[in-house]
Amino acid sequence: MSERYIEYWGLARHPFLLAPDSKMMCVTGQYFECLERLKYAVDTNKGGVLVVWEDAGLGKTTMLLKLIDEMREEFGDAFRYAFVDNPALSPAQIIAQITGSIADTDPYDDKLKNLKLLKDALMDVKQHGGKSIIVVDEAQMLCEAHDVLQELRTLINLTHEGQYLHTFVLSGQRALWNTIKGMPEFWQRLPVRYYFLPLHIEETKEMIRFRLKKAGIDETRDFFADDALEIIHRYSRGSPRTVIALADLCLLVGYTNQSDKITFKEVSKAINTMSGKGDSLPFVRTDRKESEGPSFASLANIDRGAEIRRVYDGDSVGSRGAQALDRLLMAYGHLARPLAALVVIVAAILLGAMGFKYFFSPEQRLEKAGETRTSGTFGESQTEKSRSDGGPGETELLRREAPAVSDLPPITKEPLLPIQPPIVHERYETTKPGSAPVREAVINALAANVRTRPDIDAPRFAILFQGETVRILDETTNEWGKIWYKIPVLGQREGWIAAGLVTEKE
């Protein structure tokens, strides 16, 4: 009975289960970058990795399971790992759990014996050309347990012949980042770091479509409308866990309604169901009175990620009228934004035409010419005369009415308007005398991150791809001696890119 809604959509398996499943993970964007950093740390024996995420539900556990799956496929029986997902243990208990997983045996009750058994097991794997990984997840629970953190730090020191015997991965919420950074002896042993951020809308769409494809969707079908995907993203605020839960509920709502496609209607009903407000169609929270119905402005507020809810209750006459408007907006609300954009464009064209007619019509040109000649002849002579004979000052003369254009001698050789050089507006000064020449560079990496400051640990807000040309606005060297370039990106925003990712043009 519970599988009928999956069969209704023609799927072979559940596409949106909440349990971490590395086989259903869409490894693109930041997930691809993080996975590459993790594999790099394992392959080059970097010793330690720190993985932190901004909010809960961003998929870091699934990412760690994906790493373990790939290492198991590559090394087979020569791969060993320990995965601690509840680190709220004593130092002796956490060492015992890690030892039992790596050595594949029951640990001792003695901590010292466990440490010796752990090192022997790690050396055995190393001698057979394998790899070992120790993962401590949900490590934000250890922010106050400094004794456990110090015990974990010493695990990284398990080396043999100048090489680390394993790769230690510490993962947790953003509070962990500041805690570890305040422990230099631990921070320096985690040279590979990654910070997860909420998904962008395109990443949300790609994740939903990828999971549907893995679940066996017919490639000719696309039963999630674009507006439905946008609302799912805005409601979830880029959290993959919320996206998965809401998308699954949308499939169930579509099945009960016998819908052919998941649209705004099905998503709205699913959101209200998740919020515990029934199955009626929701609207965006606004400051309007309860007796008023929804407005076009309320629909626009979805862009700001506002919480969706109903704006009226009861069965009054005003409420019934609002419900009628409710249905009308549900049917035609998607046309509001295109119509508003069209009105703005038409208004801009009309205002532009009126401005052009005003400033460039023959009457205005004659009037401007008269003002120019007045200021150049009459105004100047009268001012000089007033100064010599003690008459009215210049300010008073400027307030007087200038002679009419018909009273002035005709102009035959000079243009009516003074010829002005064209005005060129540029964001950055490049042609001032004595200024440095414009510097340009070409991205030489497949994908290059643009960060908020010249630091590899700084948040990234854009990605540029190989072959793109950028302008170099500034150059600096960070505390590690690495050169960074400041470049313009995303319109009015500026960011920093590592010099090694670009090739400067001659």
Protein backbone atom coordinates (compact mmCIF):
# COMPACT_ATOMS: atom_id res chain seq x y z
CA MET A 1 0.00 0.00 0.00
CA SER A 2 2.81 2.44 0.91
CA GLU A 3 4.53 1.87 -2.46
CA ARG A 4 1.58 2.83 -4.63
CA TYR A 5 2.53 6.48 -4.96
CA ILE A 6 6.01 5.42 -6.13
CA GLU A 7 4.51 3.12 -8.76
CA TYR A 8 2.05 5.86 -9.78
CA TRP A 9 4.94 8.04 -10.96
CA GLY A 10 6.60 5.14 -12.77
CA LEU A 11 9.58 4.86 -10.41
CA ALA A 12 11.43 1.64 -9.60
CA ARG A 13 12.59 2.74 -6.12
CA HIS A 14 12.22 5.55 -3.61
CA PRO A 15 14.04 8.66 -4.84
CA PHE A 16 13.71 10.71 -1.65
CA LEU A 17 14.55 8.64 1.41
CA LEU A 18 16.02 10.63 4.30
CA ALA A 19 18.53 7.98 5.38
CA PRO A 20 22.05 8.80 4.07
CA ASP A 21 22.61 6.88 0.82
CA SER A 22 25.86 7.48 -1.04
CA LYS A 23 24.48 5.83 -4.20
CA MET A 24 21.76 8.52 -4.46
CA MET A 25 24.15 11.40 -3.88
CA CYS A 26 24.46 14.02 -6.64
CA VAL A 27 28.20 14.74 -6.58
CA THR A 28 28.36 18.17 -8.22
CA GLY A 29 29.36 21.67 -7.17
CA GLN A 30 30.67 21.89 -3.63
CA TYR A 31 30.16 18.16 -3.08
CA PHE A 32 32.49 17.33 -5.95
CA GLU A 33 35.05 19.80 -4.62
CA CYS A 34 34.85 18.41 -1.08
CA LEU A 35 35.12 14.80 -2.27
CA GLU A 36 38.20 15.67 -4.31
CA ARG A 37 39.82 17.30 -1.27
CA LEU A 38 39.08 14.25 0.86
CA LYS A 39 40.56 11.86 -1.71
CA TYR A 40 43.55 14.17 -2.08
CA ALA A 41 44.16 14.04 1.68
CA VAL A 42 43.95 10.22 1.68
CA ASP A 43 46.13 9.68 -1.40
CA THR A 44 48.89 12.07 -0.27
CA ASN A 45 48.86 11.11 3.45
CA LYS A 46 48.11 14.65 4.64
CA GLY A 47 47.15 13.34 8.06
CA GLY A 48 44.01 15.29 8.93
CA VAL A 49 40.90 16.83 7.38
CA LEU A 50 38.35 19.23 8.87
CA VAL A 51 34.85 19.25 7.34
CA VAL A 52 32.36 21.80 8.68
CA TRP A 53 28.89 22.78 7.48
CA GLU A 54 26.86 25.95 7.93
CA ASP A 55 23.54 24.34 8.85
CA ALA A 56 22.25 20.89 9.69
CA GLY A 57 21.08 18.67 6.85
CA LEU A 58 23.59 19.74 4.18
CA GLY A 59 24.65 16.17 3.36
CA LYS A 60 28.07 15.92 5.01
CA THR A 61 27.39 12.41 6.41
CA THR A 62 26.40 11.19 2.96
CA MET A 63 29.60 12.76 1.63
CA LEU A 64 31.72 10.87 4.15
CA LEU A 65 29.96 7.60 3.29
CA LYS A 66 30.62 8.34 -0.39
CA LEU A 67 34.33 8.65 0.37
CA ILE A 68 34.32 5.34 2.23
CA ASP A 69 32.52 3.60 -0.66
CA GLU A 70 35.03 4.88 -3.21
CA MET A 71 38.00 3.87 -1.07
CA ARG A 72 36.50 0.40 -0.56
CA GLU A 73 36.04 0.00 -4.32
CA GLU A 74 39.63 1.11 -4.99
CA PHE A 75 41.51 -0.82 -2.28
CA GLY A 76 39.17 -3.71 -1.46
CA ASP A 77 40.22 -5.71 1.60
CA ALA A 78 43.28 -3.48 1.99
CA PHE A 79 41.03 -0.65 3.17
CA ARG A 80 40.05 -0.19 6.82
CA TYR A 81 37.98 2.55 8.41
CA ALA A 82 36.37 3.60 11.69
CA PHE A 83 33.23 5.76 11.68
CA VAL A 84 32.33 7.34 15.04
CA ASP A 85 28.92 9.03 14.71
CA ASN A 86 28.31 9.56 18.45
CA PRO A 87 31.50 10.98 19.94
CA ALA A 88 30.01 11.84 23.34
CA LEU A 89 32.30 9.27 24.96
CA SER A 90 35.22 9.26 27.33
CA PRO A 91 38.74 9.26 25.83
CA ALA A 92 39.18 5.56 26.66
CA GLN A 93 35.80 4.64 25.14
CA ILE A 94 36.39 6.48 21.87
CA ILE A 95 39.86 4.87 21.50
CA ALA A 96 38.29 1.46 22.12
CA GLN A 97 35.61 2.03 19.47
CA ILE A 98 38.15 3.16 16.86
CA THR A 99 40.47 0.24 17.66
CA GLY A 100 37.67 -2.34 17.35
CA SER A 101 36.69 -0.99 13.91
CA ILE A 102 40.22 -0.79 12.47
CA ALA A 103 41.49 -4.07 13.92
CA ASP A 104 38.17 -5.83 13.23
CA THR A 105 38.19 -7.40 16.70
CA ASP A 106 36.90 -6.80 20.19
CA PRO A 107 38.94 -4.06 21.91
CA TYR A 108 40.63 -4.41 25.29
CA ASP A 109 39.48 -2.75 28.47
CA ASP A 110 42.90 -1.17 28.80
CA LYS A 111 43.53 2.03 26.83
CA LEU A 112 47.26 1.42 26.42
CA LYS A 113 46.70 -2.06 24.94
CA ASN A 114 44.11 -0.62 22.55
CA LEU A 115 46.55 2.02 21.29
CA LYS A 116 49.18 -0.67 20.60
CA LEU A 117 46.63 -2.89 18.86
CA LEU A 118 45.45 0.07 16.78
CA LYS A 119 48.97 0.97 15.63
CA ASP A 120 49.77 -2.64 14.73
CA ALA A 121 46.58 -2.90 12.65
CA LEU A 122 47.33 0.38 10.86
CA MET A 123 50.90 -0.72 10.07
CA ASP A 124 49.62 -4.01 8.68
CA VAL A 125 47.30 -2.17 6.29
CA LYS A 126 50.13 0.16 5.28
CA GLN A 127 52.48 -2.71 4.49
CA HIS A 128 49.87 -4.27 2.19
CA GLY A 129 49.53 -1.04 0.21
CA GLY A 130 46.14 -0.16 1.63
CA LYS A 131 44.58 2.91 3.23
CA SER A 132 42.99 3.59 6.62
CA ILE A 133 40.51 6.33 7.54
CA ILE A 134 39.26 7.38 10.97
CA VAL A 135 36.10 9.54 10.81
CA VAL A 136 34.63 11.33 13.81
CA ASP A 137 31.23 12.78 12.87
CA GLU A 138 29.01 15.20 14.83
CA ALA A 139 32.18 16.50 16.48
CA GLN A 140 30.49 19.75 17.54
CA MET A 141 29.44 17.69 20.57
CA LEU A 142 33.09 17.80 21.65
CA CYS A 143 33.49 21.58 21.69
CA GLU A 144 33.55 21.53 25.49
CA ALA A 145 35.24 18.13 25.81
CA HIS A 146 38.84 19.26 25.37
CA ASP A 147 40.19 16.05 26.90
CA VAL A 148 38.58 14.01 24.11
CA LEU A 149 39.79 16.46 21.45
CA GLN A 150 43.33 16.20 22.77
CA GLU A 151 43.08 12.41 22.66
CA LEU A 152 41.93 12.55 19.05
CA ARG A 153 44.76 14.92 18.22
CA THR A 154 47.32 12.43 19.43
CA LEU A 155 45.83 9.77 17.12
CA ILE A 156 47.13 11.76 14.13
CA ASN A 157 50.65 11.29 15.49
CA LEU A 158 50.52 7.54 14.74
CA THR A 159 53.26 7.47 12.09
CA HIS A 160 55.78 5.01 10.69
CA GLU A 161 58.95 5.83 8.75
CA GLY A 162 57.97 9.47 8.41
CA GLN A 163 54.45 8.83 7.07
CA TYR A 164 51.03 8.98 8.66
CA LEU A 165 49.42 5.58 9.12
CA HIS A 166 45.90 6.85 8.51
CA THR A 167 43.83 9.88 7.48
CA PHE A 168 41.85 11.46 10.32
CA VAL A 169 38.59 13.24 9.33
CA LEU A 170 36.88 15.50 11.88
CA SER A 171 33.37 16.62 10.89
CA GLY A 172 30.84 18.84 12.66
CA GLN A 173 28.73 21.99 12.70
CA ARG A 174 30.17 25.50 12.41
CA ALA A 175 30.87 25.81 16.16
CA LEU A 176 33.57 23.18 15.66
CA TRP A 177 35.47 25.46 13.27
CA ASN A 178 36.13 28.14 15.91
CA THR A 179 36.88 25.56 18.59
CA ILE A 180 39.56 23.82 16.54
CA LYS A 181 40.95 27.12 15.31
CA GLY A 182 41.46 28.06 18.96
CA MET A 183 43.64 24.97 19.38
CA PRO A 184 46.67 25.67 17.15
CA GLU A 185 48.25 22.31 17.95
CA PHE A 186 45.13 20.61 16.49
CA TRP A 187 44.33 23.14 13.74
CA GLN A 188 47.80 22.75 12.19
CA ARG A 189 47.35 18.98 11.99
CA LEU A 190 44.21 19.41 9.85
CA PRO A 191 45.69 21.08 6.74
CA VAL A 192 42.85 20.05 4.41
CA ARG A 193 39.60 21.86 5.28
CA TYR A 194 36.19 22.38 3.70
CA TYR A 195 33.16 24.44 4.70
CA PHE A 196 29.71 23.47 3.35
CA LEU A 197 27.12 26.13 2.46
CA PRO A 198 23.39 25.80 1.61
CA LEU A 199 22.54 24.84 -1.96
CA HIS A 200 21.93 27.33 -4.73
CA ILE A 201 18.67 26.97 -6.65
CA GLU A 202 20.35 25.31 -9.63
CA GLU A 203 21.99 22.79 -7.30
CA THR A 204 18.60 22.03 -5.76
CA LYS A 205 17.04 21.41 -9.17
CA GLU A 206 19.94 19.22 -10.25
CA MET A 207 19.77 17.14 -7.06
CA ILE A 208 16.02 16.45 -7.45
CA ARG A 209 16.37 15.49 -11.12
CA PHE A 210 19.41 13.30 -10.39
CA ARG A 211 17.58 11.36 -7.67
CA LEU A 212 14.55 10.85 -9.90
CA LYS A 213 16.80 9.53 -12.66
CA LYS A 214 18.52 7.12 -10.24
CA ALA A 215 15.06 5.95 -9.11
CA GLY A 216 14.22 4.90 -12.67
CA ILE A 217 12.21 7.82 -14.05
CA ASP A 218 11.35 7.71 -17.74
CA GLU A 219 13.77 10.18 -19.36
CA THR A 220 10.93 11.61 -21.44
CA ARG A 221 9.04 12.67 -18.31
CA ASP A 222 9.74 15.72 -16.18
CA PHE A 223 6.89 15.91 -13.70
CA PHE A 224 8.35 18.62 -11.44
CA ALA A 225 7.44 22.02 -12.90
CA ASP A 226 10.05 24.78 -12.69
CA ASP A 227 7.93 26.93 -10.38
CA ALA A 228 7.47 23.92 -8.07
CA LEU A 229 11.24 23.41 -7.89
CA GLU A 230 11.77 27.09 -7.10
CA ILE A 231 9.28 27.01 -4.22
CA ILE A 232 10.83 23.81 -2.84
CA HIS A 233 14.23 25.53 -2.85
CA ARG A 234 12.97 28.70 -1.18
CA TYR A 235 11.09 26.86 1.51
CA SER A 236 14.06 24.58 2.26
CA ARG A 237 16.54 27.49 2.21
CA GLY A 238 18.98 25.23 0.40
CA SER A 239 18.95 22.40 2.95
CA PRO A 240 19.14 19.04 1.08
CA ARG A 241 17.40 17.19 3.92
CA THR A 242 14.39 19.52 3.75
CA VAL A 243 14.40 19.37 -0.05
CA ILE A 244 14.27 15.56 0.03
CA ALA A 245 11.47 15.44 2.63
CA LEU A 246 9.35 18.02 0.81
CA ALA A 247 9.88 16.48 -2.63
CA ASP A 248 8.80 13.07 -1.34
CA LEU A 249 5.65 14.56 0.21
CA CYS A 250 4.91 16.32 -3.10
CA LEU A 251 4.90 12.93 -4.85
CA LEU A 252 2.41 11.63 -2.29
CA VAL A 253 0.16 14.72 -2.66
CA GLY A 254 0.29 14.39 -6.44
CA TYR A 255 -0.73 10.74 -6.15
CA THR A 256 -3.71 11.48 -3.88
CA ASN A 257 -4.82 14.27 -6.25
CA GLN A 258 -4.21 12.06 -9.30
CA SER A 259 -2.08 14.86 -10.79
CA ASP A 260 -0.07 14.54 -13.96
CA LYS A 261 2.63 16.93 -12.75
CA ILE A 262 3.93 18.46 -9.52
CA THR A 263 3.04 22.16 -9.69
CA PHE A 264 2.62 25.09 -7.33
CA LYS A 265 -0.62 23.59 -6.07
CA GLU A 266 0.90 20.28 -4.95
CA VAL A 267 3.96 21.95 -3.38
CA SER A 268 1.76 24.42 -1.49
CA LYS A 269 -0.37 21.64 -0.08
CA ALA A 270 2.74 19.65 0.90
CA ILE A 271 4.25 22.66 2.67
CA ASN A 272 1.13 23.26 4.72
CA THR A 273 1.00 19.58 5.61
CA MET A 274 4.61 19.67 6.79
CA SER A 275 3.88 22.82 8.80
CA GLY A 276 0.92 21.22 10.55
CA LYS A 277 -1.57 23.74 9.12
CA GLY A 278 -3.77 21.34 7.20
CA ASP A 279 -3.87 20.74 3.48
CA SER A 280 -5.19 24.12 2.31
CA LEU A 281 -3.24 26.32 -0.08
CA PRO A 282 -0.76 28.58 1.74
CA PHE A 283 0.44 32.07 1.13
CA VAL A 284 3.43 34.06 2.22
CA ARG A 285 3.38 35.79 5.59
CA THR A 286 2.78 39.53 5.28
CA ASP A 287 1.74 42.36 7.56
CA ARG A 288 -1.81 42.48 6.19
CA LYS A 289 -4.92 42.09 8.32
CA GLU A 290 -6.50 38.68 8.63
CA SER A 291 -9.64 39.80 6.82
CA GLU A 292 -7.67 40.64 3.69
CA GLY A 293 -6.90 38.09 1.02
CA PRO A 294 -3.51 37.39 -0.56
CA SER A 295 -1.80 40.00 -2.70
CA PHE A 296 0.66 39.98 -5.54
CA ALA A 297 3.22 41.41 -3.13
CA SER A 298 2.79 38.37 -0.90
CA LEU A 299 3.65 36.08 -3.80
CA ALA A 300 6.77 38.13 -4.50
CA ASN A 301 7.89 37.67 -0.89
CA ILE A 302 8.64 34.02 -1.64
CA ASP A 303 11.90 35.25 -3.17
CA ARG A 304 13.06 36.32 0.27
CA GLY A 305 12.50 32.88 1.72
CA ALA A 306 9.66 33.96 4.01
CA GLU A 307 7.75 31.29 5.87
CA ILE A 308 4.66 30.13 3.99
CA ARG A 309 1.39 30.06 5.84
CA ARG A 310 -2.28 31.01 5.55
CA VAL A 311 -3.30 34.63 6.02
CA TYR A 312 -6.92 34.25 6.93
CA ASP A 313 -9.12 31.90 8.95
CA GLY A 314 -12.81 31.51 9.74
CA ASP A 315 -15.83 31.42 7.47
CA SER A 316 -16.86 35.06 7.33
CA VAL A 317 -18.08 36.83 4.20
CA GLY A 318 -14.72 38.61 3.91
CA SER A 319 -12.94 35.31 4.31
CA ARG A 320 -15.00 33.69 1.54
CA GLY A 321 -14.14 36.60 -0.74
CA ALA A 322 -10.50 36.18 0.12
CA GLN A 323 -10.78 32.48 -0.68
CA ALA A 324 -12.15 33.33 -4.11
CA LEU A 325 -9.18 35.61 -4.69
CA ASP A 326 -7.06 32.74 -3.32
CA ARG A 327 -8.18 30.44 -6.13
CA LEU A 328 -7.78 33.18 -8.73
CA LEU A 329 -4.20 33.84 -7.73
CA MET A 330 -3.46 30.14 -7.59
CA ALA A 331 -4.59 29.82 -11.19
CA TYR A 332 -3.05 33.00 -12.62
CA GLY A 333 -0.55 34.17 -10.00
CA HIS A 334 2.36 32.89 -12.06
CA LEU A 335 1.58 35.61 -14.64
CA ALA A 336 1.98 38.44 -12.11
CA ARG A 337 5.72 38.83 -12.42
CA PRO A 338 5.89 38.74 -16.26
CA LEU A 339 3.09 41.33 -16.42
CA ALA A 340 4.82 43.55 -13.87
CA ALA A 341 8.08 43.31 -15.81
CA LEU A 342 6.25 44.21 -19.04
CA VAL A 343 4.66 47.26 -17.40
CA VAL A 344 8.05 48.45 -16.15
CA ILE A 345 9.62 48.04 -19.60
CA VAL A 346 6.79 49.93 -21.34
CA ALA A 347 6.95 52.73 -18.75
CA ALA A 348 10.72 53.01 -19.21
CA ILE A 349 10.31 53.26 -23.00
CA LEU A 350 7.65 55.96 -22.69
CA LEU A 351 9.66 57.98 -20.20
CA GLY A 352 12.73 57.66 -22.39
CA ALA A 353 10.80 58.89 -25.42
CA MET A 354 9.41 61.85 -23.49
CA GLY A 355 12.86 62.74 -22.20
CA PHE A 356 14.36 62.53 -25.68
CA LYS A 357 11.65 64.78 -27.08
CA TYR A 358 12.11 67.29 -24.26
CA PHE A 359 15.88 67.61 -24.47
CA PHE A 360 16.35 67.29 -28.22
CA SER A 361 13.33 69.03 -29.71
CA PRO A 362 14.03 72.21 -31.82
CA GLU A 363 12.24 74.43 -29.28
CA GLN A 364 14.44 73.22 -26.43
CA ARG A 365 17.58 73.59 -28.52
CA LEU A 366 16.68 77.19 -29.35
CA GLU A 367 15.90 77.92 -25.71
CA LYS A 368 19.21 76.45 -24.58
CA ALA A 369 21.02 78.44 -27.25
CA GLY A 370 19.38 81.62 -25.99
CA GLU A 371 20.42 80.87 -22.44
CA THR A 372 23.97 80.21 -23.56
CA ARG A 373 24.26 83.48 -25.49
CA THR A 374 22.66 85.39 -22.66
CA SER A 375 25.13 84.06 -20.14
CA GLY A 376 28.00 84.74 -22.54
CA THR A 377 27.14 88.36 -23.54
CA PHE A 378 24.38 90.08 -21.68
CA GLY A 379 25.05 88.51 -18.27
CA GLU A 380 28.77 89.15 -18.43
CA SER A 381 28.57 92.79 -19.59
CA GLN A 382 25.85 93.69 -17.12
CA THR A 383 27.78 92.12 -14.26
CA GLU A 384 30.92 94.05 -15.10
CA LYS A 385 28.89 97.27 -15.40
CA SER A 386 27.17 96.73 -12.05
CA ARG A 387 30.48 96.19 -10.35
CA SER A 388 31.89 99.45 -11.75
CA ASP A 389 29.00 101.73 -10.94
CA GLY A 390 27.85 100.17 -7.65
CA GLY A 391 24.69 98.66 -9.17
CA PRO A 392 23.11 95.37 -8.24
CA GLY A 393 25.34 92.39 -7.66
CA GLU A 394 25.81 89.30 -9.88
CA THR A 395 23.44 87.15 -7.88
CA GLU A 396 20.59 89.57 -8.43
CA LEU A 397 21.27 89.81 -12.16
CA LEU A 398 21.17 86.07 -12.55
CA ARG A 399 17.63 86.08 -11.21
CA ARG A 400 16.45 88.52 -13.84
CA GLU A 401 14.79 87.38 -17.00
CA ALA A 402 17.16 86.99 -19.96
CA PRO A 403 16.39 88.68 -23.31
CA ALA A 404 14.18 86.77 -25.70
CA VAL A 405 15.85 84.71 -28.39
CA SER A 406 14.27 86.88 -31.12
CA ASP A 407 16.16 89.92 -29.79
CA LEU A 408 19.53 88.30 -30.29
CA PRO A 409 21.51 88.47 -33.54
CA PRO A 410 21.10 85.38 -35.72
CA ILE A 411 23.60 82.58 -35.41
CA THR A 412 24.95 81.31 -38.69
CA LYS A 413 28.38 79.81 -38.16
CA GLU A 414 28.19 78.30 -34.69
CA PRO A 415 26.07 75.26 -33.74
CA LEU A 416 23.03 75.76 -31.54
CA LEU A 417 24.46 73.47 -28.86
CA PRO A 418 28.12 73.31 -27.85
CA ILE A 419 29.74 70.11 -29.00
CA GLN A 420 30.72 68.06 -25.99
CA PRO A 421 33.00 65.03 -26.08
CA PRO A 422 31.20 61.72 -25.49
CA ILE A 423 30.97 60.70 -21.85
CA VAL A 424 32.17 57.19 -21.16
CA HIS A 425 31.19 55.69 -17.82
CA GLU A 426 33.43 52.96 -16.53
CA ARG A 427 33.49 51.31 -13.17
CA TYR A 428 37.26 51.29 -12.99
CA GLU A 429 39.56 54.12 -14.07
CA THR A 430 41.87 52.83 -16.81
CA THR A 431 42.68 55.84 -19.00
CA LYS A 432 43.80 58.49 -16.53
CA PRO A 433 47.23 59.94 -17.36
CA GLY A 434 49.92 58.15 -15.42
CA SER A 435 47.62 55.29 -14.34
CA ALA A 436 48.73 51.67 -14.57
CA PRO A 437 47.74 49.77 -17.74
CA VAL A 438 44.78 47.43 -17.69
CA ARG A 439 45.75 43.92 -16.58
CA GLU A 440 43.83 40.91 -17.79
CA ALA A 441 44.19 37.21 -17.13
CA VAL A 442 42.68 33.96 -18.41
CA ILE A 443 41.44 31.16 -16.15
CA ASN A 444 43.75 28.16 -16.70
CA ALA A 445 42.04 25.68 -14.36
CA LEU A 446 38.93 23.67 -15.19
CA ALA A 447 37.11 25.51 -12.39
CA ALA A 448 38.41 28.31 -10.19
CA ASN A 449 36.81 29.53 -6.95
CA VAL A 450 36.33 33.25 -6.29
CA ARG A 451 36.54 33.96 -2.56
CA THR A 452 35.57 36.86 -0.31
CA ARG A 453 39.17 37.45 0.81
CA PRO A 454 42.65 36.28 -0.24
CA ASP A 455 42.60 33.08 1.81
CA ILE A 456 41.97 29.45 0.80
CA ASP A 457 39.71 29.10 3.85
CA ALA A 458 37.58 32.13 2.93
CA PRO A 459 33.98 31.47 1.77
CA ARG A 460 33.56 31.18 -1.99
CA PHE A 461 30.70 32.95 -3.74
CA ALA A 462 31.38 32.29 -7.43
CA ILE A 463 33.11 29.84 -9.77
CA LEU A 464 34.85 30.75 -13.03
CA PHE A 465 35.70 28.22 -15.70
CA GLN A 466 38.66 27.57 -17.96
CA GLY A 467 39.09 30.09 -20.77
CA GLU A 468 37.20 32.96 -19.13
CA THR A 469 38.94 36.36 -19.14
CA VAL A 470 39.01 38.52 -16.00
CA ARG A 471 40.39 41.94 -15.13
CA ILE A 472 42.96 42.29 -12.37
CA LEU A 473 42.09 45.20 -10.09
CA ASP A 474 44.59 44.62 -7.33
CA GLU A 475 47.23 42.18 -6.14
CA THR A 476 48.28 41.06 -2.67
CA THR A 477 50.32 38.41 -0.90
CA ASN A 478 48.76 36.57 2.05
CA GLU A 479 50.45 35.38 5.23
CA TRP A 480 51.53 32.15 3.51
CA GLY A 481 53.36 34.01 0.76
CA LYS A 482 50.75 33.18 -1.92
CA ILE A 483 49.80 35.80 -4.50
CA TRP A 484 46.09 36.63 -4.94
CA TYR A 485 44.37 38.86 -7.50
CA LYS A 486 41.29 41.01 -6.90
CA ILE A 487 38.84 40.70 -9.84
CA PRO A 488 35.33 42.01 -10.67
CA VAL A 489 32.63 39.33 -10.75
CA LEU A 490 28.85 39.08 -10.62
CA GLY A 491 28.15 42.66 -11.70
CA GLN A 492 29.12 45.04 -8.90
CA ARG A 493 30.85 42.52 -6.63
CA GLU A 494 34.58 41.96 -6.26
CA GLY A 495 36.42 38.88 -5.09
CA TRP A 496 39.84 37.26 -4.83
CA ILE A 497 41.33 34.45 -6.90
CA ALA A 498 44.63 32.62 -6.44
CA ALA A 499 47.33 33.63 -8.93
CA GLY A 500 48.07 30.00 -9.76
CA LEU A 501 44.58 29.56 -11.26
CA VAL A 502 45.03 32.26 -13.92
CA THR A 503 47.54 33.16 -16.65
CA GLU A 504 48.15 36.89 -17.03
CA LYS A 505 47.99 38.24 -20.57
CA GLU A 506 50.99 40.08 -22.01
